[in-house]
């Protein structure tokens, strides 16, 4: 069974940090992971899901303007895992965060909730 399992979310004060992880499992998706660009997406309340960070197989990264300079995406192909280091968090970063390939496939994990509030 193919799964994308996100973890690491939580409640944090403005200015704080979190590190999200996403592990891909399943024989087929493990192969797909190793040959695909991966992305972190988020869906804030009342908004569409958006891509916030992406990383190619070779490690080239790209960020949405809203997170540039604060978020860092990385990947460990040996572990089929992609990470999102989030620093200087703002209340507007509050959302459910998901990982997927870039561009995204139809199958999504459950996501991990990030809440930035004092």
Protein backbone atom coordinates (compact mmCIF):
# COMPACT_ATOMS: atom_id res chain seq x y z
CA UNK A 1 0.00 0.00 0.00
CA UNK A 2 1.30 3.40 -0.94
CA UNK A 3 1.39 5.97 1.80
CA UNK A 4 2.60 9.46 2.43
CA UNK A 5 2.78 10.08 6.16
CA UNK A 6 3.34 13.60 7.37
CA UNK A 7 4.41 14.41 10.92
CA UNK A 8 5.93 17.13 13.05
CA UNK A 9 3.13 19.66 13.20
CA UNK A 10 1.88 21.32 16.35
CA UNK A 11 1.08 24.55 18.13
CA UNK A 12 3.84 27.15 18.16
CA UNK A 13 4.08 30.81 19.05
CA UNK A 14 4.81 33.43 16.41
CA UNK A 15 8.52 33.50 15.68
CA UNK A 16 8.92 29.86 16.61
CA UNK A 17 10.11 26.90 14.55
CA UNK A 18 8.89 23.48 13.51
CA UNK A 19 10.34 20.70 11.41
CA UNK A 20 7.95 18.63 9.34
CA UNK A 21 8.74 15.18 7.97
CA UNK A 22 7.07 13.15 5.25
CA UNK A 23 7.87 9.49 4.73
CA UNK A 24 6.87 7.65 1.57
CA UNK A 25 6.20 3.93 1.84
CA UNK A 26 5.22 1.18 -0.54
CA UNK A 27 7.39 -0.41 -3.21
CA UNK A 28 6.03 1.57 -6.12
CA UNK A 29 5.99 4.97 -4.46
CA UNK A 30 9.44 4.39 -3.02
CA UNK A 31 10.66 4.20 -6.61
CA UNK A 32 8.53 7.17 -7.63
CA UNK A 33 9.95 9.18 -4.75
CA UNK A 34 13.52 8.63 -5.89
CA UNK A 35 12.82 9.90 -9.41
CA UNK A 36 10.38 12.71 -8.63
CA UNK A 37 10.47 16.27 -7.50
CA UNK A 38 8.72 16.52 -4.14
CA UNK A 39 6.75 19.35 -2.65
CA UNK A 40 5.23 20.59 0.56
CA UNK A 41 1.74 21.98 0.21
CA UNK A 42 -0.58 23.63 2.68
CA UNK A 43 -4.27 24.36 2.98
CA UNK A 44 -5.26 27.21 5.24
CA UNK A 45 -8.85 27.53 6.49
CA UNK A 46 -11.09 28.78 3.70
CA UNK A 47 -8.30 28.71 1.11
CA UNK A 48 -7.17 26.47 -1.72
CA UNK A 49 -4.24 24.13 -1.23
CA UNK A 50 -1.01 25.77 -2.35
CA UNK A 51 2.53 24.63 -3.04
CA UNK A 52 4.93 26.30 -0.62
CA UNK A 53 8.22 24.51 -1.31
CA UNK A 54 9.58 22.02 -3.83
CA UNK A 55 12.81 20.11 -4.32
CA UNK A 56 14.09 18.25 -7.36
CA UNK A 57 15.84 14.89 -7.28
CA UNK A 58 19.17 16.72 -7.49
CA UNK A 59 18.27 19.08 -4.67
CA UNK A 60 17.30 22.25 -6.49
CA UNK A 61 14.75 24.07 -4.38
CA UNK A 62 11.98 26.55 -5.05
CA UNK A 63 9.76 28.46 -2.62
CA UNK A 64 6.59 30.46 -2.60
CA UNK A 65 7.28 34.14 -1.99
CA UNK A 66 5.36 33.99 1.28
CA UNK A 67 7.83 31.53 2.85
CA UNK A 68 11.08 32.41 1.07
CA UNK A 69 13.89 32.96 3.55
CA UNK A 70 11.97 31.29 6.39
CA UNK A 71 11.32 27.72 5.19
CA UNK A 72 13.85 25.16 3.97
CA UNK A 73 12.95 21.98 2.15
CA UNK A 74 15.31 19.01 2.04
CA UNK A 75 15.16 15.32 1.19
CA UNK A 76 16.84 12.05 2.09
CA UNK A 77 16.41 9.67 -0.84
CA UNK A 78 17.82 6.74 1.11
CA UNK A 79 15.02 7.15 3.65
CA UNK A 80 12.33 8.19 1.15
CA UNK A 81 11.73 11.21 3.34
CA UNK A 82 11.29 14.89 2.66
CA UNK A 83 11.57 17.57 5.33
CA UNK A 84 10.38 21.13 5.82
CA UNK A 85 12.22 23.29 8.33
CA UNK A 86 10.00 26.23 9.21
CA UNK A 87 11.49 29.21 11.05
CA UNK A 88 10.11 32.61 12.01
CA UNK A 89 6.61 31.25 11.84
CA UNK A 90 3.71 33.65 11.43
CA UNK A 91 0.01 33.26 12.22
CA UNK A 92 -0.69 33.20 8.48
CA UNK A 93 1.36 30.00 8.24
CA UNK A 94 -1.42 28.21 10.11
CA UNK A 95 -2.63 25.40 7.88
CA UNK A 96 -2.66 21.67 7.31
CA UNK A 97 0.60 20.75 5.60
CA UNK A 98 0.89 17.92 3.09
CA UNK A 99 3.65 16.45 1.00
CA UNK A 100 3.30 15.04 -2.50
CA UNK A 101 5.18 14.89 -5.74
CA UNK A 102 5.52 18.10 -7.74
CA UNK A 103 3.28 18.26 -9.66
CA UNK A 104 0.99 16.51 -7.21
CA UNK A 105 -0.59 13.12 -7.73
CA UNK A 106 -4.19 12.47 -6.75
CA UNK A 107 -3.31 10.50 -3.61
CA UNK A 108 -2.78 12.63 -0.50
CA UNK A 109 -1.81 11.77 3.04
CA UNK A 110 -3.69 13.01 6.09
CA UNK A 111 -1.42 15.99 6.52
CA UNK A 112 -0.12 17.54 9.72
CA UNK A 113 -1.69 20.55 11.41
CA UNK A 114 0.48 23.59 12.06
CA UNK A 115 -1.02 26.28 14.25
CA UNK A 116 0.85 29.52 14.91
CA UNK A 117 -0.74 31.46 17.71
CA UNK A 118 0.15 33.25 20.90
